[in-house]
Amino acid sequence: MTDTQRSGNVSTKQQQIATLARNAPERVFSSLHHYLDYDWLLRAWELTRKNAAAGVDGQTAEKYAEHLEKNLQSLLSRIKSGSYRAPAIRRIYIPKSDGQRRPLGLPTFEDKIVQRAVVMVLEPIYEQIFSSCSFGFRPGRSAHQALQYLRNHIMDEGGRWILDIDIRKYFDTINHQHLRKFLDRRVTDGVIRKLIDKWLKAGVMDNGVLSFPVTGTQQGEVISPLLSNIYLHYVLDEWFHQQVCPRMAGRCSLTRFADDAVMVFEQYQDCYRVQRVLGCRLQRYGLELHPVKTCRIDFRFKYRKQNRRRGNAVSFNFLGFTHYWRRSRRGNPVVCQQTAKDRLAKTLKSFNQFCRWNRHSPLSEQYKKLNQKLRGHYAYFGITGNDKALRAVRYHVERIWHKWLGRRSRKSKIPWVKFTLFLKRFPLEKARIYHQYKRGAIRQ
């Protein structure tokens, strides 16, 4: 059987699971482990990143692939017999924009394959029940769709009051007992559930010290995004649509990307009431609102100048963009989205570090990598109405590059006139809009 045929067989089985879940919304799946065969694991291996850092065992993707069939057959046997053990996760830390550090878990390569295989089984089931307001870590959905969804609801449904929601240390505080109860509603297969339990109980190796967290899922695990979406689906999404919306006096909406969420309300009293009960709702499931970052914002267009004079917030940030009102060329109120100041500062800092560390590299190599980084920035932040911020990035990158080229040696200072001629030979990528937003394009 060819790789294409194997991939097609796996895809067909996933469609069968999705059809069963869609046609029977209340069905509880008690037998799913038979899907985990050799072809399924091989497809999971194909979908697993090969260039990621190694886990506690130090095994790389290349080393694992040297005896791929033997390794996968052995893995399948251990899964079926229940003898598979989830190895400890290696923890590293990455810097956050606020100066703090975000913990990141690195599973072993083989563990990633097993987690991917389980995600391939569960995803078709939960995609049938997940809300249309949820966009994070879901197939066929993106941050830009979330941004457009939010913008549409603000402009089309009288979004006057914003509740900006920040859950403190969400991934670290997911309650395992509640998560298991949520999983019981759709999946009770013994093999699948035991694997999930093993990952929840797996140790964490942090600077040589092994610990066993009793809450949370490790960011960096393949299974973690799906489990976190399942948790917030029942805690927040379902609660909002089934219990909150019917009790509101005006229109309201929720937009969520993983643990980053924004609620939009037409009436002040609705926003106020939900803010009062939201903390209690999350606390019931072991979660906590950030007391400073969670805030209510008066987003009414006609009061924006008055609120600005009073020092009140007239904008909010979501997924790296600042959202605010302004008038269009025709004089109509429109919601604009531009690169948030903290994300812009982080981007320019990244370019500054690159130019500093690579100032002695060949110019052609610097030029190529700078344009790659610029294209990556434009690909995410290149949305309708954000062209000014994109041009500002290019403007500052030119000056950063000029500064560090002038520090290659004591005698290498470059006059700006000479540098402009240099830019004609090595022009930096021009700002480009990648995402044209249309009203109602993703309304569901």
Protein backbone atom coordinates (compact mmCIF):
# COMPACT_ATOMS: atom_id res chain seq x y z
CA MET A 1 0.00 0.00 0.00
CA THR A 2 1.36 3.42 -0.95
CA ASP A 3 1.68 6.35 1.46
CA THR A 4 -1.09 8.16 -0.41
CA GLN A 5 -3.44 5.19 0.01
CA ARG A 6 -2.61 4.93 3.72
CA SER A 7 -3.27 8.64 4.19
CA GLY A 8 -6.55 8.31 2.30
CA ASN A 9 -7.66 5.40 4.49
CA VAL A 10 -6.95 7.38 7.65
CA SER A 11 -8.82 10.39 6.28
CA THR A 12 -11.81 8.18 5.39
CA LYS A 13 -11.91 6.77 8.91
CA GLN A 14 -11.79 10.27 10.38
CA GLN A 15 -14.74 11.25 8.20
CA GLN A 16 -16.62 8.20 9.48
CA ILE A 17 -15.98 9.27 13.08
CA ALA A 18 -17.11 12.81 12.28
CA THR A 19 -20.31 11.55 10.63
CA LEU A 20 -21.17 9.39 13.64
CA ALA A 21 -20.56 12.32 16.01
CA ARG A 22 -22.56 14.74 13.86
CA ASN A 23 -25.55 12.45 13.40
CA ALA A 24 -25.72 11.54 17.09
CA PRO A 25 -24.83 14.64 19.16
CA GLU A 26 -25.50 12.81 22.44
CA ARG A 27 -23.56 9.69 21.53
CA VAL A 28 -20.81 8.56 23.90
CA PHE A 29 -17.95 6.81 22.08
CA SER A 30 -16.89 3.76 24.06
CA SER A 31 -14.89 2.02 21.33
CA LEU A 32 -12.32 4.07 19.45
CA HIS A 33 -8.98 2.37 20.07
CA HIS A 34 -9.39 0.03 17.09
CA TYR A 35 -8.64 3.02 14.85
CA LEU A 36 -5.12 3.10 16.29
CA ASP A 37 -3.45 0.73 13.83
CA TYR A 38 -0.08 0.90 12.06
CA ASP A 39 -1.35 3.16 9.26
CA TRP A 40 -2.84 5.52 11.84
CA LEU A 41 0.48 5.78 13.70
CA LEU A 42 2.37 6.22 10.44
CA ARG A 43 0.11 9.13 9.51
CA ALA A 44 0.61 10.58 13.00
CA TRP A 45 4.37 10.32 12.48
CA GLU A 46 4.05 12.17 9.16
CA LEU A 47 2.14 15.01 10.85
CA THR A 48 4.58 15.32 13.76
CA ARG A 49 7.13 18.12 13.52
CA LYS A 50 10.59 16.75 12.77
CA ASN A 51 12.65 19.84 13.65
CA ALA A 52 11.43 20.42 17.21
CA ALA A 53 13.71 20.14 20.24
CA ALA A 54 14.16 16.69 21.77
CA GLY A 55 12.54 15.58 25.01
CA VAL A 56 14.12 14.06 28.12
CA ASP A 57 15.41 11.01 26.21
CA GLY A 58 17.29 13.15 23.68
CA GLN A 59 15.89 11.15 20.75
CA THR A 60 15.51 13.08 17.50
CA ALA A 61 13.11 12.51 14.63
CA GLU A 62 15.98 11.43 12.39
CA LYS A 63 17.14 8.79 14.85
CA TYR A 64 13.59 7.48 15.30
CA ALA A 65 13.10 7.24 11.53
CA GLU A 66 16.14 4.99 11.06
CA HIS A 67 14.03 2.01 12.19
CA LEU A 68 10.62 3.56 11.65
CA GLU A 69 8.53 0.45 10.95
CA LYS A 70 10.06 -1.46 13.86
CA ASN A 71 9.58 1.48 16.22
CA LEU A 72 5.96 2.06 15.20
CA GLN A 73 5.09 -1.64 15.49
CA SER A 74 6.61 -1.71 18.97
CA LEU A 75 4.74 1.46 19.89
CA LEU A 76 1.45 0.03 18.61
CA SER A 77 1.96 -3.14 20.65
CA ARG A 78 2.56 -1.13 23.85
CA ILE A 79 -0.51 1.02 23.22
CA LYS A 80 -2.78 -1.98 22.64
CA SER A 81 -1.47 -3.87 25.67
CA GLY A 82 -1.71 -0.85 27.95
CA SER A 83 2.01 -0.99 28.78
CA TYR A 84 2.83 2.34 27.12
CA ARG A 85 4.22 4.79 29.67
CA ALA A 86 4.11 8.53 29.20
CA PRO A 87 7.67 9.80 29.75
CA ALA A 88 8.44 12.93 31.71
CA ILE A 89 8.25 16.26 29.91
CA ARG A 90 11.28 18.52 29.65
CA ARG A 91 10.36 22.07 30.65
CA ILE A 92 11.95 25.16 29.17
CA TYR A 93 11.00 28.82 29.46
CA ILE A 94 10.43 31.42 26.75
CA PRO A 95 10.19 35.18 27.41
CA LYS A 96 6.82 36.95 27.31
CA SER A 97 6.13 40.50 26.20
CA ASP A 98 5.45 41.59 29.81
CA GLY A 99 8.91 40.49 30.96
CA GLN A 100 7.76 37.24 32.54
CA ARG A 101 8.58 33.75 31.27
CA ARG A 102 6.17 31.24 29.77
CA PRO A 103 6.77 27.56 30.64
CA LEU A 104 6.87 25.24 27.64
CA GLY A 105 6.83 21.45 27.82
CA LEU A 106 8.83 19.31 25.41
CA PRO A 107 7.57 15.70 25.17
CA THR A 108 9.72 12.97 23.66
CA PHE A 109 9.37 12.44 19.93
CA GLU A 110 7.61 9.09 20.33
CA ASP A 111 5.19 10.59 22.85
CA LYS A 112 4.33 13.28 20.31
CA ILE A 113 3.39 10.57 17.81
CA VAL A 114 1.02 8.92 20.30
CA GLN A 115 -0.52 12.26 21.24
CA ARG A 116 -1.00 13.15 17.58
CA ALA A 117 -2.67 9.78 16.97
CA VAL A 118 -5.13 10.41 19.82
CA VAL A 119 -5.83 13.94 18.58
CA MET A 120 -6.62 12.45 15.17
CA VAL A 121 -9.26 10.27 16.83
CA LEU A 122 -10.81 12.90 19.10
CA GLU A 123 -10.75 15.92 16.81
CA PRO A 124 -13.48 14.68 14.41
CA ILE A 125 -15.76 14.13 17.43
CA TYR A 126 -15.29 17.48 19.12
CA GLU A 127 -15.26 19.52 15.93
CA GLN A 128 -18.95 18.68 15.62
CA ILE A 129 -19.83 20.32 18.95
CA PHE A 130 -17.32 23.15 19.26
CA SER A 131 -18.89 26.59 18.97
CA SER A 132 -18.46 28.80 15.91
CA CYS A 133 -17.05 31.49 18.23
CA SER A 134 -13.96 29.35 18.99
CA PHE A 135 -11.00 29.70 16.62
CA GLY A 136 -7.82 28.64 18.41
CA PHE A 137 -6.01 25.41 17.49
CA ARG A 138 -8.80 24.11 15.29
CA PRO A 139 -8.48 22.74 11.75
CA GLY A 140 -9.49 25.24 9.08
CA ARG A 141 -9.65 28.14 11.54
CA SER A 142 -7.21 30.94 12.18
CA ALA A 143 -6.51 34.06 14.20
CA HIS A 144 -7.51 36.23 11.24
CA GLN A 145 -10.91 34.57 11.10
CA ALA A 146 -11.31 35.34 14.81
CA LEU A 147 -10.38 38.98 14.19
CA GLN A 148 -12.88 39.29 11.37
CA TYR A 149 -15.57 37.50 13.39
CA LEU A 150 -15.08 39.93 16.27
CA ARG A 151 -15.05 42.98 14.00
CA ASN A 152 -18.25 41.86 12.26
CA HIS A 153 -20.09 41.41 15.54
CA ILE A 154 -19.01 44.79 16.88
CA MET A 155 -20.08 46.63 13.74
CA ASP A 156 -23.18 44.64 12.81
CA GLU A 157 -24.67 43.92 16.21
CA GLY A 158 -24.30 47.19 18.08
CA GLY A 159 -21.21 46.24 20.06
CA ARG A 160 -20.99 49.11 22.53
CA TRP A 161 -19.53 47.46 25.62
CA ILE A 162 -16.49 45.19 25.61
CA LEU A 163 -15.52 42.66 28.26
CA ASP A 164 -11.85 41.84 27.71
CA ILE A 165 -11.20 38.49 29.40
CA ASP A 166 -7.85 37.26 30.66
CA ILE A 167 -7.65 33.92 32.49
CA ARG A 168 -4.65 33.82 34.80
CA LYS A 169 -2.25 30.94 34.01
CA TYR A 170 -5.00 29.03 32.24
CA PHE A 171 -3.01 26.04 30.97
CA ASP A 172 -1.43 25.54 34.41
CA THR A 173 -4.73 25.58 36.31
CA ILE A 174 -7.00 23.24 34.32
CA ASN A 175 -8.62 20.95 36.88
CA HIS A 176 -8.04 17.30 35.97
CA GLN A 177 -11.16 16.03 37.72
CA HIS A 178 -13.43 18.44 35.86
CA LEU A 179 -11.64 17.69 32.59
CA ARG A 180 -12.28 13.98 33.03
CA LYS A 181 -15.97 14.66 33.65
CA PHE A 182 -16.16 16.74 30.48
CA LEU A 183 -14.50 13.94 28.50
CA ASP A 184 -17.02 11.46 29.94
CA ARG A 185 -19.77 13.24 28.03
CA ARG A 186 -18.43 12.06 24.67
CA VAL A 187 -15.54 9.61 25.07
CA THR A 188 -15.26 6.65 27.47
CA ASP A 189 -12.98 4.37 25.43
CA GLY A 190 -10.63 2.77 27.96
CA VAL A 191 -7.44 2.84 25.88
CA ILE A 192 -7.88 6.48 24.84
CA ARG A 193 -8.83 7.66 28.33
CA LYS A 194 -5.94 5.81 30.00
CA LEU A 195 -3.50 7.45 27.61
CA ILE A 196 -4.92 10.89 28.44
CA ASP A 197 -4.66 10.12 32.17
CA LYS A 198 -1.03 9.12 31.73
CA TRP A 199 -0.25 12.44 30.06
CA LEU A 200 -2.06 14.38 32.77
CA LYS A 201 -0.05 12.54 35.44
CA ALA A 202 3.29 12.66 33.60
CA GLY A 203 6.21 14.19 35.44
CA VAL A 204 7.88 17.46 34.50
CA MET A 205 11.68 17.73 34.41
CA ASP A 206 12.69 21.31 35.24
CA ASN A 207 16.45 21.93 35.53
CA GLY A 208 17.03 18.36 36.63
CA VAL A 209 14.23 18.37 39.20
CA LEU A 210 11.29 16.02 38.58
CA SER A 211 7.85 17.15 39.76
CA PHE A 212 4.30 15.90 39.24
CA PRO A 213 1.78 18.75 38.78
CA VAL A 214 -1.75 17.97 39.96
CA THR A 215 -3.41 20.55 37.69
CA GLY A 216 -2.94 21.87 34.18
CA THR A 217 -1.77 20.61 30.81
CA GLN A 218 1.70 21.37 29.55
CA GLN A 219 1.94 23.93 26.77
CA GLY A 220 3.99 22.29 24.05
CA GLU A 221 2.24 18.94 24.23
CA VAL A 222 0.39 17.94 21.06
CA ILE A 223 -2.72 16.96 23.04
CA SER A 224 -2.79 20.14 25.16
CA PRO A 225 -4.57 22.51 22.72
CA LEU A 226 -7.43 20.05 22.16
CA LEU A 227 -7.88 19.36 25.88
CA SER A 228 -7.83 23.07 26.66
CA ASN A 229 -10.47 23.73 23.99
CA ILE A 230 -12.67 20.95 25.38
CA TYR A 231 -12.38 22.45 28.86
CA LEU A 232 -13.30 26.01 27.84
CA HIS A 233 -16.02 24.76 25.51
CA TYR A 234 -17.98 23.49 28.51
CA VAL A 235 -16.85 26.10 31.02
CA LEU A 236 -17.25 29.21 28.86
CA ASP A 237 -18.62 28.75 25.32
CA GLU A 238 -21.58 26.49 26.10
CA TRP A 239 -22.43 28.43 29.26
CA PHE A 240 -22.38 31.74 27.39
CA HIS A 241 -24.64 30.62 24.54
CA GLN A 242 -27.06 28.46 26.53
CA GLN A 243 -27.38 30.38 29.79
CA VAL A 244 -26.09 33.92 29.30
CA CYS A 245 -27.40 35.01 25.90
CA PRO A 246 -31.08 34.12 26.54
CA ARG A 247 -31.03 36.30 29.68
CA MET A 248 -29.59 39.40 28.03
CA ALA A 249 -31.65 42.51 27.25
CA GLY A 250 -29.65 43.26 24.09
CA ARG A 251 -27.49 41.44 21.61
CA CYS A 252 -24.18 39.90 22.68
CA SER A 253 -21.40 37.73 21.31
CA LEU A 254 -18.27 35.86 22.35
CA THR A 255 -15.06 35.48 20.37
CA ARG A 256 -12.44 33.09 21.72
CA PHE A 257 -8.99 32.05 20.55
CA ALA A 258 -7.68 29.42 22.98
CA ASP A 259 -7.70 31.19 26.38
CA ASP A 260 -7.92 34.70 24.89
CA ALA A 261 -11.55 35.85 24.80
CA VAL A 262 -13.63 38.98 24.19
CA MET A 263 -17.33 39.46 24.91
CA VAL A 264 -19.32 42.16 23.10
CA PHE A 265 -22.56 43.61 24.49
CA GLU A 266 -25.12 46.03 23.17
CA GLN A 267 -26.34 47.06 26.64
CA TYR A 268 -24.27 48.23 29.62
CA GLN A 269 -26.32 46.32 32.19
CA ASP A 270 -25.71 43.07 30.32
CA CYS A 271 -21.95 43.60 30.33
CA TYR A 272 -22.01 44.54 34.01
CA ARG A 273 -24.08 41.49 35.01
CA VAL A 274 -21.88 39.04 33.12
CA GLN A 275 -18.70 40.56 34.54
CA ARG A 276 -20.09 40.06 38.05
CA VAL A 277 -20.84 36.35 37.58
CA LEU A 278 -18.01 35.36 35.22
CA GLY A 279 -15.40 35.14 37.95
CA CYS A 280 -17.61 32.83 40.02
CA ARG A 281 -18.31 30.68 36.97
CA LEU A 282 -14.61 30.18 36.25
CA GLN A 283 -13.72 29.74 39.91
CA ARG A 284 -16.14 26.81 40.11
CA TYR A 285 -13.86 25.00 37.65
CA GLY A 286 -10.54 26.01 39.18
CA LEU A 287 -9.88 29.02 36.94
CA GLU A 288 -9.27 32.65 37.90
CA LEU A 289 -9.72 35.93 36.06
CA HIS A 290 -6.72 38.24 36.01
CA PRO A 291 -7.93 41.16 38.18
CA VAL A 292 -6.05 43.82 36.19
CA LYS A 293 -6.12 42.53 32.61
CA THR A 294 -9.81 41.60 32.71
CA CYS A 295 -11.73 44.84 32.21
CA ARG A 296 -14.96 46.40 30.97
CA ILE A 297 -14.56 48.99 28.19
CA ASP A 298 -17.00 51.64 27.02
CA PHE A 299 -16.62 51.13 23.27
CA ARG A 300 -19.43 53.42 22.13
CA PHE A 301 -18.34 55.40 19.10
CA LYS A 302 -19.97 58.72 20.01
CA TYR A 303 -18.42 58.76 23.50
CA ARG A 304 -14.86 57.90 22.47
CA LYS A 305 -13.53 61.49 22.67
CA GLN A 306 -15.21 62.10 26.01
CA ASN A 307 -13.79 58.86 27.42
CA ARG A 308 -10.34 59.71 26.11
CA ARG A 309 -10.40 63.09 27.86
CA ARG A 310 -11.39 61.36 31.10
CA GLY A 311 -8.54 58.89 30.77
CA ASN A 312 -10.82 55.91 30.17
CA ALA A 313 -9.87 53.14 27.77
CA VAL A 314 -11.26 53.64 24.26
CA SER A 315 -9.56 50.62 22.68
CA PHE A 316 -8.64 47.03 23.52
CA ASN A 317 -6.11 44.47 22.36
CA PHE A 318 -6.88 41.05 20.93
CA LEU A 319 -4.50 38.64 19.17
CA GLY A 320 -1.79 41.27 18.76
CA PHE A 321 -4.06 43.99 17.36
CA THR A 322 -5.46 47.15 18.95
CA HIS A 323 -9.14 47.64 18.13
CA TYR A 324 -10.53 51.16 18.00
CA TRP A 325 -13.15 53.31 16.26
CA ARG A 326 -12.57 55.88 13.54
CA ARG A 327 -14.46 57.31 10.59
CA SER A 328 -14.05 55.86 7.13
CA ARG A 329 -13.41 57.97 4.04
CA ARG A 330 -17.17 58.15 3.59
CA GLY A 331 -17.60 59.39 7.14
CA ASN A 332 -19.05 56.17 8.55
CA PRO A 333 -17.89 54.69 11.90
CA VAL A 334 -15.64 51.66 11.37
CA VAL A 335 -13.70 49.41 13.72
CA CYS A 336 -10.00 49.49 12.87
CA GLN A 337 -7.36 46.97 13.85
CA GLN A 338 -3.72 47.97 13.97
CA THR A 339 -0.60 46.35 15.37
CA ALA A 340 -0.58 46.64 19.16
CA LYS A 341 2.24 48.74 20.61
CA ASP A 342 3.69 45.89 22.66
CA ARG A 343 3.75 43.58 19.64
CA LEU A 344 5.35 46.30 17.52
CA ALA A 345 8.03 46.86 20.16
CA LYS A 346 8.65 43.11 20.37
CA THR A 347 8.99 42.88 16.59
CA LEU A 348 11.48 45.75 16.37
CA LYS A 349 13.47 44.28 19.27
CA SER A 350 13.67 41.01 17.36
CA PHE A 351 14.96 42.79 14.25
CA ASN A 352 17.47 44.74 16.33
CA GLN A 353 18.82 41.54 17.89
CA PHE A 354 19.06 39.86 14.50
CA CYS A 355 20.97 42.76 12.93
CA ARG A 356 23.29 42.97 15.92
CA TRP A 357 24.11 39.27 16.05
CA ASN A 358 24.48 38.93 12.26
CA ARG A 359 26.18 42.22 11.38
CA HIS A 360 29.36 40.39 10.33
CA SER A 361 27.49 37.94 8.07
CA PRO A 362 27.60 38.41 4.28
CA LEU A 363 25.31 41.23 3.17
CA SER A 364 23.39 38.99 0.78
CA GLU A 365 22.64 36.58 3.63
CA GLN A 366 21.48 39.39 5.93
CA TYR A 367 19.31 40.77 3.14
CA LYS A 368 17.67 37.41 2.48
CA LYS A 369 16.88 36.69 6.14
CA LEU A 370 15.64 40.22 6.85
CA ASN A 371 13.16 39.93 4.00
CA GLN A 372 12.05 36.53 5.27
CA LYS A 373 11.35 38.05 8.68
CA LEU A 374 9.52 41.00 7.10
CA ARG A 375 7.36 38.71 4.98
CA GLY A 376 6.48 36.72 8.10
CA HIS A 377 5.45 39.93 9.88
CA TYR A 378 3.37 41.11 6.91
CA ALA A 379 1.74 37.67 6.59
CA TYR A 380 0.23 38.01 10.08
CA PHE A 381 -0.21 41.75 10.56
CA GLY A 382 -1.04 42.57 6.93
CA ILE A 383 -4.77 43.15 7.38
CA THR A 384 -7.11 45.76 5.98
CA GLY A 385 -6.44 49.18 7.51
CA ASN A 386 -3.06 48.29 9.05
CA ASP A 387 -0.87 49.44 6.17
CA LYS A 388 0.49 52.44 8.10
CA ALA A 389 1.84 50.22 10.88
CA LEU A 390 3.37 47.87 8.30
CA ARG A 391 5.19 50.73 6.60
CA ALA A 392 6.41 51.90 10.01
CA VAL A 393 8.03 48.50 10.61
CA ARG A 394 9.86 48.67 7.29
CA TYR A 395 10.94 52.25 8.03
CA HIS A 396 12.43 51.28 11.41
CA VAL A 397 14.04 48.09 10.08
CA GLU A 398 15.90 50.13 7.47
CA ARG A 399 17.33 52.33 10.22
CA ILE A 400 18.14 49.39 12.47
CA TRP A 401 20.01 47.70 9.64
CA HIS A 402 21.86 50.93 8.84
CA LYS A 403 22.88 51.30 12.49
CA TRP A 404 24.36 47.82 12.83
CA LEU A 405 26.05 47.79 9.43
CA GLY A 406 27.81 50.93 10.63
CA ARG A 407 29.15 48.99 13.61
CA ARG A 408 30.81 46.14 11.73
CA SER A 409 34.10 47.81 12.56
CA ARG A 410 35.42 51.14 13.78
CA LYS A 411 35.85 52.37 10.22
CA SER A 412 32.63 51.02 8.73
CA LYS A 413 30.29 53.90 9.52
CA ILE A 414 28.01 54.35 6.50
CA PRO A 415 26.57 57.76 5.51
CA TRP A 416 22.82 57.65 4.98
CA VAL A 417 23.15 58.78 1.36
CA LYS A 418 25.40 55.82 0.65
CA PHE A 419 23.02 53.49 2.48
CA THR A 420 20.08 54.60 0.29
CA LEU A 421 22.10 53.56 -2.75
CA PHE A 422 22.84 50.27 -1.01
CA LEU A 423 19.08 49.74 -0.50
CA LYS A 424 18.52 49.99 -4.24
CA ARG A 425 20.68 46.91 -4.62
CA PHE A 426 19.25 45.18 -1.54
CA PRO A 427 15.69 46.54 -1.23
CA LEU A 428 13.71 45.48 1.80
CA GLU A 429 10.33 43.85 1.25
CA LYS A 430 7.55 46.41 0.85
CA ALA A 431 4.50 46.35 3.10
CA ARG A 432 1.71 44.17 1.77
CA ILE A 433 -1.88 43.48 2.80
CA TYR A 434 -2.48 39.73 2.91
CA HIS A 435 -5.93 39.65 4.50
CA GLN A 436 -8.79 41.63 2.96
CA TYR A 437 -11.71 41.60 5.39
CA LYS A 438 -15.26 41.54 4.06
CA ARG A 439 -18.31 42.17 6.16
CA GLY A 440 -20.14 38.96 7.06
CA ALA A 441 -17.67 36.73 5.21
CA ILE A 442 -17.46 34.14 8.00
CA ARG A 443 -20.79 34.68 9.73
CA GLN A 444 -22.08 31.35 11.05
